[in-house]
Amino acid sequence: MAVLTFTDESTTTVQAERLFKSLILDAHNLIPKLLPQAIKKVELVQGNGGPGSIQEITIVEGDNIKHLKHRIDALDKENLAYSYTVIEGDSVLEKVDSVSHEIKFEATAEGGSKTKNISKYQPKEGVDIKEEDFKADREEASTILKVVEAYLVANPEAYA
């Protein structure tokens, strides 16, 4: 079965460097603070935060997913790029062998930024997957981005 690939893009008035610092470099602190109703904690369980490191995300009770583990595949601070692969997670990997994400932040001429996220879902042998199977995942990622964006707009000194 072919890999199912999605490309999601968004633009914001927030500078690319601030988004990268908040969403990537300090996500373990900021995301649980801004979304306590959804994310209990994000912690580094292996490595130093660079490529090969493992992050574990603990989801609040009541969600069908309790935890996820991501392997950091690339972290390019200079080019504001980040990629990771979901390597563990209850119910996330039922239909797919792997899920990988490549995220790139770029400055816009207006002083804001454009965020591009390429997600690749590799289905398990014999499993048919469709775009709607992952709609909620993509909406959650968009919600996190919007919440962080609102925080950064309201707090212009944060991650400056």
C-alpha atoms as a PDB file:
ATOM      1  CA  MET A   1       0.000   0.000   0.000  1.00  0.00           C
ATOM      2  CA  ALA A   2       1.247   3.461  -0.820  1.00  0.00           C
ATOM      3  CA  VAL A   3       2.225   6.014   1.785  1.00  0.00           C
ATOM      4  CA  LEU A   4      -0.512   8.561   2.470  1.00  0.00           C
ATOM      5  CA  THR A   5       1.035  12.036   2.510  1.00  0.00           C
ATOM      6  CA  PHE A   6      -0.531  15.293   3.702  1.00  0.00           C
ATOM      7  CA  THR A   7       0.917  18.764   3.447  1.00  0.00           C
ATOM      8  CA  ASP A   8      -0.548  21.352   5.787  1.00  0.00           C
ATOM      9  CA  GLU A   9       0.497  24.999   5.605  1.00  0.00           C
ATOM     10  CA  SER A  10      -0.422  27.983   7.713  1.00  0.00           C
ATOM     11  CA  THR A  11       0.680  31.580   7.998  1.00  0.00           C
ATOM     12  CA  THR A  12       0.856  33.843  11.016  1.00  0.00           C
ATOM     13  CA  THR A  13       2.063  37.260  12.070  1.00  0.00           C
ATOM     14  CA  VAL A  14       4.452  35.596  14.563  1.00  0.00           C
ATOM     15  CA  GLN A  15       8.113  35.421  13.536  1.00  0.00           C
ATOM     16  CA  ALA A  16       9.397  32.018  12.417  1.00  0.00           C
ATOM     17  CA  GLU A  17      12.168  31.932  15.047  1.00  0.00           C
ATOM     18  CA  ARG A  18       9.677  32.475  17.884  1.00  0.00           C
ATOM     19  CA  LEU A  19       7.400  29.720  16.625  1.00  0.00           C
ATOM     20  CA  PHE A  20      10.329  27.327  16.260  1.00  0.00           C
ATOM     21  CA  LYS A  21      11.613  28.072  19.764  1.00  0.00           C
ATOM     22  CA  SER A  22       8.181  27.679  21.355  1.00  0.00           C
ATOM     23  CA  LEU A  23       6.716  24.780  19.345  1.00  0.00           C
ATOM     24  CA  ILE A  24       9.897  22.757  18.925  1.00  0.00           C
ATOM     25  CA  LEU A  25      12.651  23.684  21.358  1.00  0.00           C
ATOM     26  CA  ASP A  26      10.467  24.412  24.400  1.00  0.00           C
ATOM     27  CA  ALA A  27       7.366  22.344  23.627  1.00  0.00           C
ATOM     28  CA  HIS A  28       7.964  20.168  26.685  1.00  0.00           C
ATOM     29  CA  ASN A  29       7.345  23.214  28.913  1.00  0.00           C
ATOM     30  CA  LEU A  30       4.935  25.334  26.895  1.00  0.00           C
ATOM     31  CA  ILE A  31       2.402  22.866  25.455  1.00  0.00           C
ATOM     32  CA  PRO A  32       1.297  21.321  28.802  1.00  0.00           C
ATOM     33  CA  LYS A  33       1.079  24.857  30.244  1.00  0.00           C
ATOM     34  CA  LEU A  34      -1.135  26.146  27.406  1.00  0.00           C
ATOM     35  CA  LEU A  35      -3.192  22.968  26.890  1.00  0.00           C
ATOM     36  CA  PRO A  36      -3.478  21.316  30.326  1.00  0.00           C
ATOM     37  CA  GLN A  37      -6.884  19.925  29.377  1.00  0.00           C
ATOM     38  CA  ALA A  38      -5.237  17.886  26.601  1.00  0.00           C
ATOM     39  CA  ILE A  39      -1.534  17.308  27.360  1.00  0.00           C
ATOM     40  CA  LYS A  40      -0.300  16.247  30.813  1.00  0.00           C
ATOM     41  CA  LYS A  41       3.393  16.346  30.065  1.00  0.00           C
ATOM     42  CA  VAL A  42       6.029  16.168  27.369  1.00  0.00           C
ATOM     43  CA  GLU A  43       9.341  14.750  28.479  1.00  0.00           C
ATOM     44  CA  LEU A  44      12.640  13.662  27.038  1.00  0.00           C
ATOM     45  CA  VAL A  45      13.068   9.995  27.976  1.00  0.00           C
ATOM     46  CA  GLN A  46      16.228   9.272  25.994  1.00  0.00           C
ATOM     47  CA  GLY A  47      19.009  11.375  24.500  1.00  0.00           C
ATOM     48  CA  ASN A  48      19.905  15.054  24.706  1.00  0.00           C
ATOM     49  CA  GLY A  49      17.076  16.514  22.592  1.00  0.00           C
ATOM     50  CA  GLY A  50      18.885  16.135  19.284  1.00  0.00           C
ATOM     51  CA  PRO A  51      18.446  13.542  16.525  1.00  0.00           C
ATOM     52  CA  GLY A  52      17.907  10.048  17.906  1.00  0.00           C
ATOM     53  CA  SER A  53      16.363  11.341  21.138  1.00  0.00           C
ATOM     54  CA  ILE A  54      12.994  10.036  22.296  1.00  0.00           C
ATOM     55  CA  GLN A  55      10.194  12.253  23.625  1.00  0.00           C
ATOM     56  CA  GLU A  56       7.137  10.911  25.415  1.00  0.00           C
ATOM     57  CA  ILE A  57       3.856  12.807  25.432  1.00  0.00           C
ATOM     58  CA  THR A  58       1.324  11.898  28.112  1.00  0.00           C
ATOM     59  CA  ILE A  59      -2.283  12.713  27.228  1.00  0.00           C
ATOM     60  CA  VAL A  60      -4.915  13.562  29.865  1.00  0.00           C
ATOM     61  CA  GLU A  61      -7.308  10.863  31.032  1.00  0.00           C
ATOM     62  CA  GLY A  62     -10.435  10.350  28.970  1.00  0.00           C
ATOM     63  CA  ASP A  63      -8.788  10.489  25.547  1.00  0.00           C
ATOM     64  CA  ASN A  64      -8.461   7.268  23.549  1.00  0.00           C
ATOM     65  CA  ILE A  65      -4.703   7.899  23.334  1.00  0.00           C
ATOM     66  CA  LYS A  66      -2.833   7.918  26.647  1.00  0.00           C
ATOM     67  CA  HIS A  67       0.729   8.357  25.418  1.00  0.00           C
ATOM     68  CA  LEU A  68       2.888   8.788  22.339  1.00  0.00           C
ATOM     69  CA  LYS A  69       6.594   8.399  21.817  1.00  0.00           C
ATOM     70  CA  HIS A  70       8.416  10.339  19.106  1.00  0.00           C
ATOM     71  CA  ARG A  71      11.912   9.797  17.820  1.00  0.00           C
ATOM     72  CA  ILE A  72      13.565  13.036  16.771  1.00  0.00           C
ATOM     73  CA  ASP A  73      14.956  12.422  13.285  1.00  0.00           C
ATOM     74  CA  ALA A  74      16.345  15.888  12.521  1.00  0.00           C
ATOM     75  CA  LEU A  75      16.656  19.201  14.331  1.00  0.00           C
ATOM     76  CA  ASP A  76      18.040  22.074  12.270  1.00  0.00           C
ATOM     77  CA  LYS A  77      18.024  25.235  14.381  1.00  0.00           C
ATOM     78  CA  GLU A  78      19.645  27.326  11.655  1.00  0.00           C
ATOM     79  CA  ASN A  79      17.031  26.473   9.010  1.00  0.00           C
ATOM     80  CA  LEU A  80      14.133  26.172  11.490  1.00  0.00           C
ATOM     81  CA  ALA A  81      13.357  22.605  10.454  1.00  0.00           C
ATOM     82  CA  TYR A  82      12.379  19.590  12.524  1.00  0.00           C
ATOM     83  CA  SER A  83      11.332  16.047  11.760  1.00  0.00           C
ATOM     84  CA  TYR A  84      10.185  13.205  13.938  1.00  0.00           C
ATOM     85  CA  THR A  85       8.604   9.760  13.731  1.00  0.00           C
ATOM     86  CA  VAL A  86       5.910   8.364  16.007  1.00  0.00           C
ATOM     87  CA  ILE A  87       7.413   5.115  17.318  1.00  0.00           C
ATOM     88  CA  GLU A  88       4.860   4.169  19.960  1.00  0.00           C
ATOM     89  CA  GLY A  89       1.339   5.110  20.940  1.00  0.00           C
ATOM     90  CA  ASP A  90      -1.805   3.349  21.962  1.00  0.00           C
ATOM     91  CA  SER A  91      -4.330   3.274  19.099  1.00  0.00           C
ATOM     92  CA  VAL A  92      -2.196   5.592  16.918  1.00  0.00           C
ATOM     93  CA  LEU A  93      -0.351   2.754  15.225  1.00  0.00           C
ATOM     94  CA  GLU A  94      -3.343   0.412  14.773  1.00  0.00           C
ATOM     95  CA  LYS A  95      -3.620   1.016  11.023  1.00  0.00           C
ATOM     96  CA  VAL A  96      -0.114   2.224  10.198  1.00  0.00           C
ATOM     97  CA  ASP A  97       3.431   0.972  10.631  1.00  0.00           C
ATOM     98  CA  SER A  98       4.772   4.487  10.994  1.00  0.00           C
ATOM     99  CA  VAL A  99       3.883   8.160  11.010  1.00  0.00           C
ATOM    100  CA  SER A 100       6.526  10.753  10.227  1.00  0.00           C
ATOM    101  CA  HIS A 101       6.381  14.531  10.222  1.00  0.00           C
ATOM    102  CA  GLU A 102       8.638  17.138   8.629  1.00  0.00           C
ATOM    103  CA  ILE A 103       8.057  20.670   9.885  1.00  0.00           C
ATOM    104  CA  LYS A 104       9.610  23.817   8.430  1.00  0.00           C
ATOM    105  CA  PHE A 105       9.164  27.414   9.566  1.00  0.00           C
ATOM    106  CA  GLU A 106       9.909  30.196   7.069  1.00  0.00           C
ATOM    107  CA  ALA A 107       9.865  33.966   7.425  1.00  0.00           C
ATOM    108  CA  THR A 108       7.418  35.914   5.303  1.00  0.00           C
ATOM    109  CA  ALA A 109       8.036  39.315   3.722  1.00  0.00           C
ATOM    110  CA  GLU A 110       5.503  40.846   6.129  1.00  0.00           C
ATOM    111  CA  GLY A 111       7.569  39.801   9.186  1.00  0.00           C
ATOM    112  CA  GLY A 112       5.466  36.815  10.135  1.00  0.00           C
ATOM    113  CA  SER A 113       5.962  33.214   9.130  1.00  0.00           C
ATOM    114  CA  LYS A 114       4.709  30.271   7.144  1.00  0.00           C
ATOM    115  CA  THR A 115       4.655  26.815   8.698  1.00  0.00           C
ATOM    116  CA  LYS A 116       4.686  23.738   6.497  1.00  0.00           C
ATOM    117  CA  ASN A 117       4.056  20.269   7.937  1.00  0.00           C
ATOM    118  CA  ILE A 118       4.415  17.185   5.745  1.00  0.00           C
ATOM    119  CA  SER A 119       2.929  14.086   7.385  1.00  0.00           C
ATOM    120  CA  LYS A 120       3.482  10.596   5.992  1.00  0.00           C
ATOM    121  CA  TYR A 121       1.401   7.613   7.072  1.00  0.00           C
ATOM    122  CA  GLN A 122       2.759   4.172   6.098  1.00  0.00           C
ATOM    123  CA  PRO A 123      -0.158   1.692   6.267  1.00  0.00           C
ATOM    124  CA  LYS A 124       0.203  -1.793   7.693  1.00  0.00           C
ATOM    125  CA  GLU A 125       0.179  -4.652   5.221  1.00  0.00           C
ATOM    126  CA  GLY A 126      -3.354  -5.229   3.946  1.00  0.00           C
ATOM    127  CA  VAL A 127      -4.856  -2.192   5.683  1.00  0.00           C
ATOM    128  CA  ASP A 128      -6.661   0.417   3.617  1.00  0.00           C
ATOM    129  CA  ILE A 129      -6.298   3.921   5.032  1.00  0.00           C
ATOM    130  CA  LYS A 130      -8.082   7.086   3.974  1.00  0.00           C
ATOM    131  CA  GLU A 131      -7.594  10.780   4.604  1.00  0.00           C
ATOM    132  CA  GLU A 132     -10.519  10.909   7.039  1.00  0.00           C
ATOM    133  CA  ASP A 133      -8.778   8.311   9.260  1.00  0.00           C
ATOM    134  CA  PHE A 134      -6.296  11.037  10.255  1.00  0.00           C
ATOM    135  CA  LYS A 135      -8.474  14.135  10.168  1.00  0.00           C
ATOM    136  CA  ALA A 136      -8.586  14.433  13.988  1.00  0.00           C
ATOM    137  CA  ASP A 137      -4.773  14.191  14.243  1.00  0.00           C
ATOM    138  CA  ARG A 138      -4.329  16.995  11.745  1.00  0.00           C
ATOM    139  CA  GLU A 139      -6.967  19.138  13.485  1.00  0.00           C
ATOM    140  CA  GLU A 140      -5.199  18.655  16.848  1.00  0.00           C
ATOM    141  CA  ALA A 141      -1.902  19.806  15.336  1.00  0.00           C
ATOM    142  CA  SER A 142      -3.636  22.858  13.895  1.00  0.00           C
ATOM    143  CA  THR A 143      -5.236  23.628  17.277  1.00  0.00           C
ATOM    144  CA  ILE A 144      -1.869  23.440  19.057  1.00  0.00           C
ATOM    145  CA  LEU A 145      -0.365  25.820  16.504  1.00  0.00           C
ATOM    146  CA  LYS A 146      -3.242  28.290  16.938  1.00  0.00           C
ATOM    147  CA  VAL A 147      -3.036  28.192  20.741  1.00  0.00           C
ATOM    148  CA  VAL A 148       0.723  28.790  20.702  1.00  0.00           C
ATOM    149  CA  GLU A 149       0.292  31.557  18.122  1.00  0.00           C
ATOM    150  CA  ALA A 150      -2.311  33.295  20.314  1.00  0.00           C
ATOM    151  CA  TYR A 151       0.013  33.018  23.320  1.00  0.00           C
ATOM    152  CA  LEU A 152       2.937  34.521  21.387  1.00  0.00           C
ATOM    153  CA  VAL A 153       0.812  37.389  20.031  1.00  0.00           C
ATOM    154  CA  ALA A 154      -0.439  38.160  23.552  1.00  0.00           C
ATOM    155  CA  ASN A 155       3.098  37.879  24.980  1.00  0.00           C
ATOM    156  CA  PRO A 156       5.433  39.577  22.474  1.00  0.00           C
ATOM    157  CA  GLU A 157       8.439  39.197  24.798  1.00  0.00           C
ATOM    158  CA  ALA A 158       8.059  35.396  25.011  1.00  0.00           C
ATOM    159  CA  TYR A 159      10.647  33.495  22.961  1.00  0.00           C
ATOM    160  CA  ALA A 160      11.931  36.751  21.454  1.00  0.00           C
END
